[in-house]
Protein backbone atom coordinates (compact mmCIF):
# COMPACT_ATOMS: atom_id res chain seq x y z
CA UNK A 1 12.23 6.23 -7.43
CA UNK A 2 15.02 4.38 -9.24
CA UNK A 3 15.38 1.90 -6.36
CA UNK A 4 11.68 1.06 -6.54
CA UNK A 5 11.78 0.37 -10.26
CA UNK A 6 14.71 -1.97 -9.69
CA UNK A 7 12.81 -3.96 -7.05
CA UNK A 8 10.21 -5.14 -9.59
CA UNK A 9 11.45 -8.27 -11.32
CA UNK A 10 9.53 -8.97 -14.55
CA UNK A 11 10.32 -12.67 -14.11
CA UNK A 12 7.56 -12.89 -11.49
CA UNK A 13 5.12 -12.69 -14.41
CA UNK A 14 6.76 -15.62 -16.23
CA UNK A 15 6.60 -18.76 -14.06
CA UNK A 16 8.41 -21.75 -15.58
CA UNK A 17 7.69 -25.47 -15.24
CA UNK A 18 6.13 -26.29 -11.87
CA UNK A 19 6.54 -22.75 -10.51
CA UNK A 20 3.55 -20.84 -9.25
CA UNK A 21 3.00 -17.20 -8.32
CA UNK A 22 1.21 -16.92 -4.98
CA UNK A 23 0.20 -14.21 -2.55
CA UNK A 24 1.85 -14.80 0.82
CA UNK A 25 0.11 -13.49 3.93
CA UNK A 26 2.64 -12.26 6.50
CA UNK A 27 2.76 -11.32 10.14
CA UNK A 28 1.79 -7.66 10.65
CA UNK A 29 4.62 -5.33 9.54
CA UNK A 30 6.75 -8.25 8.25
CA UNK A 31 6.43 -7.52 4.53
CA UNK A 32 9.93 -6.06 4.18
CA UNK A 33 11.41 -8.90 6.27
CA UNK A 34 9.88 -11.51 3.96
CA UNK A 35 11.11 -9.58 0.92
CA UNK A 36 14.65 -9.54 2.34
CA UNK A 37 14.43 -13.26 3.15
CA UNK A 38 13.30 -14.06 -0.41
CA UNK A 39 16.00 -11.84 -1.92
CA UNK A 40 18.68 -13.58 0.19
CA UNK A 41 17.43 -17.03 -0.93
CA UNK A 42 17.16 -15.99 -4.59
CA UNK A 43 13.36 -16.32 -4.61
CA UNK A 44 11.64 -13.97 -7.05
CA UNK A 45 9.15 -11.73 -5.22
CA UNK A 46 7.18 -8.53 -5.56
CA UNK A 47 6.20 -6.15 -2.76
CA UNK A 48 4.04 -3.33 -4.18
CA UNK A 49 4.74 -0.02 -2.43
CA UNK A 50 3.12 3.37 -1.98
CA UNK A 51 4.53 6.68 -0.84
CA UNK A 52 2.91 8.16 2.21
CA UNK A 53 3.70 10.48 5.09
CA UNK A 54 5.05 9.42 8.44
CA UNK A 55 4.30 11.96 11.14
CA UNK A 56 6.97 12.42 13.81
CA UNK A 57 5.94 13.99 17.12
CA UNK A 58 8.92 15.52 18.90
CA UNK A 59 9.40 17.34 22.17
CA UNK A 60 12.53 19.45 22.41
CA UNK A 61 13.45 21.98 25.06
CA UNK A 62 9.95 21.77 26.51
CA UNK A 63 8.28 22.59 23.21
CA UNK A 64 6.26 20.02 21.25
CA UNK A 65 6.17 20.00 17.46
CA UNK A 66 5.76 17.53 14.64
CA UNK A 67 7.12 17.06 11.17
CA UNK A 68 6.29 14.77 8.31
CA UNK A 69 8.56 12.59 6.24
CA UNK A 70 7.76 10.76 2.99
CA UNK A 71 8.19 7.00 3.43
CA UNK A 72 7.45 3.86 1.44
CA UNK A 73 4.85 1.47 2.84
CA UNK A 74 3.32 -1.69 1.39
CA UNK A 75 0.38 -1.08 -0.93
CA UNK A 76 -1.32 -4.17 0.55
CA UNK A 77 -0.71 -4.65 4.26
CA UNK A 78 0.69 -8.12 5.08
CA UNK A 79 0.99 -9.37 1.47
CA UNK A 80 3.98 -10.20 -0.71
CA UNK A 81 3.73 -11.94 -4.10
CA UNK A 82 6.20 -14.79 -4.62
CA UNK A 83 7.19 -16.98 -7.60
CA UNK A 84 8.36 -20.36 -6.33
CA UNK A 85 8.21 -24.06 -7.30
CA UNK A 86 5.11 -25.63 -5.74
CA UNK A 87 7.12 -28.24 -3.79
CA UNK A 88 9.39 -25.57 -2.24
CA UNK A 89 6.64 -23.35 -0.82
CA UNK A 90 7.24 -24.59 2.72
CA UNK A 91 10.70 -23.00 2.56
CA UNK A 92 8.96 -19.63 3.00
CA UNK A 93 7.84 -20.59 6.52
CA UNK A 94 11.54 -20.59 7.57
CA UNK A 95 11.41 -16.80 7.38
CA UNK A 96 9.24 -16.68 10.56
CA UNK A 97 7.21 -13.98 8.77
CA UNK A 98 4.68 -16.13 6.90
CA UNK A 99 1.24 -16.88 8.30
CA UNK A 100 -0.12 -18.66 5.23
CA UNK A 101 0.36 -19.12 1.51
CA UNK A 102 -2.80 -18.56 -0.49
CA UNK A 103 -3.75 -20.62 -3.52
CA UNK A 104 -4.59 -18.93 -6.80
CA UNK A 105 -7.34 -20.44 -8.96
CA UNK A 106 -6.62 -19.02 -12.42
CA UNK A 107 -2.91 -18.21 -12.68
CA UNK A 108 -3.22 -16.11 -15.88
CA UNK A 109 -5.94 -13.95 -14.35
CA UNK A 110 -3.83 -13.51 -11.22
CA UNK A 111 -0.78 -12.50 -13.30
CA UNK A 112 -2.93 -9.92 -15.10
CA UNK A 113 -3.96 -8.58 -11.69
CA UNK A 114 -0.29 -8.23 -10.72
CA UNK A 115 0.33 -6.27 -13.93
CA UNK A 116 -2.55 -3.96 -12.99
CA UNK A 117 -1.19 -3.56 -9.44
CA UNK A 118 2.21 -2.63 -10.90
CA UNK A 119 0.58 0.06 -13.08
CA UNK A 120 -1.30 1.49 -10.09
CA UNK A 121 1.91 1.39 -8.02
CA UNK A 122 3.90 3.31 -10.64
CA UNK A 123 1.13 5.91 -11.05
CA UNK A 124 1.02 6.43 -7.28
CA UNK A 125 4.78 6.70 -6.95
CA UNK A 126 4.97 9.31 -9.71
CA UNK A 127 2.21 11.52 -8.28
CA UNK A 128 2.85 14.23 -5.73
CA UNK A 129 1.78 13.65 -2.15
CA UNK A 130 -0.29 16.37 -0.59
CA UNK A 131 -1.30 16.65 3.05
CA UNK A 132 -4.15 19.10 3.46
CA UNK A 133 -4.35 20.28 7.05
CA UNK A 134 -6.62 23.22 6.14
CA UNK A 135 -9.74 21.04 6.21
CA UNK A 136 -11.21 20.98 9.71
CA UNK A 137 -13.48 18.42 11.33
CA UNK A 138 -17.09 18.90 10.24
CA UNK A 139 -16.14 20.69 7.00
CA UNK A 140 -17.21 19.62 3.52
CA UNK A 141 -14.53 18.91 0.91
CA UNK A 142 -14.11 17.84 -2.71
CA UNK A 143 -11.71 15.04 -3.65
CA UNK A 144 -9.78 16.16 -6.74
CA UNK A 145 -7.66 13.05 -7.43
CA UNK A 146 -7.55 9.31 -6.89
CA UNK A 147 -10.35 6.77 -7.11
CA UNK A 148 -12.85 9.16 -5.46
CA UNK A 149 -12.13 12.08 -7.85
CA UNK A 150 -15.08 14.46 -8.10
CA UNK A 151 -16.77 13.12 -4.96
CA UNK A 152 -17.80 15.31 -2.03
CA UNK A 153 -17.49 14.34 1.61
CA UNK A 154 -17.31 15.56 5.19
CA UNK A 155 -14.39 15.18 7.56
CA UNK A 156 -15.74 13.40 10.64
CA UNK A 157 -12.53 12.90 12.62
CA UNK A 158 -8.75 13.08 12.24
CA UNK A 159 -7.11 9.94 13.65
CA UNK A 160 -3.36 9.80 14.31
CA UNK A 161 -2.90 12.77 11.92
CA UNK A 162 -2.50 10.52 8.89
CA UNK A 163 -5.87 8.74 8.95
CA UNK A 164 -9.16 10.53 8.49
CA UNK A 165 -12.64 9.20 9.13
CA UNK A 166 -14.80 10.71 6.42
CA UNK A 167 -18.35 10.47 5.15
CA UNK A 168 -18.35 10.34 1.35
CA UNK A 169 -21.40 11.11 -0.79
CA UNK A 170 -21.91 8.14 -3.11
CA UNK A 171 -25.12 7.38 -5.06
CA UNK A 172 -27.12 9.75 -2.85
CA UNK A 173 -25.96 7.91 0.27
CA UNK A 174 -23.22 8.64 2.81
CA UNK A 175 -20.48 6.06 3.18
CA UNK A 176 -18.23 6.26 6.23
CA UNK A 177 -14.62 5.29 5.49
CA UNK A 178 -11.14 5.73 6.87
CA UNK A 179 -8.70 7.18 4.33
CA UNK A 180 -5.08 8.28 4.18
CA UNK A 181 -5.40 11.98 3.22
CA UNK A 182 -1.93 12.04 1.69
CA UNK A 183 -3.18 9.79 -1.13
CA UNK A 184 -5.78 12.30 -2.37
CA UNK A 185 -5.80 15.92 -3.44
CA UNK A 186 -8.67 17.68 -1.66
CA UNK A 187 -10.08 21.17 -1.35
CA UNK A 188 -12.76 22.75 0.80
CA UNK A 189 -16.14 22.78 -0.91
């Protein structure tokens, strides 16, 4: 956790002169590469992270098993926030990771959004991960934490062991969504 707190540089919230803070859209799975590129060039950046499980499937001595490991993944796939002078933005394309640099309309509003993202990131990093394998396909469950706290749903399908397709009861309707079950505390209902 200490390493993560050190990766956030408060200076990203304080652009000076002609500097802007922009979201940079990257190639898939290139977020950490762009962060390393920016760090090497001295460019202030912010890559929000979340803890999640990585499932390893292993076959040893003819017997298959799996185990899970807690890893850090980007909170927003393919996005890194960068503080850079407007005329130097093209330097980011030298990283070979950037697809495009997005423009921000209201900079103060965007900086407030980054502050909010940082709060959400810290709350997520401090909470315990839980992977509930007791819930079976077709069963009803109650979400006990996260943005869907207090909401009931049904498990439709388990995809890749760390993604679930669920139907969530919301305003007397069913919404089908794909969620990462490690991000929520759930119990059978």
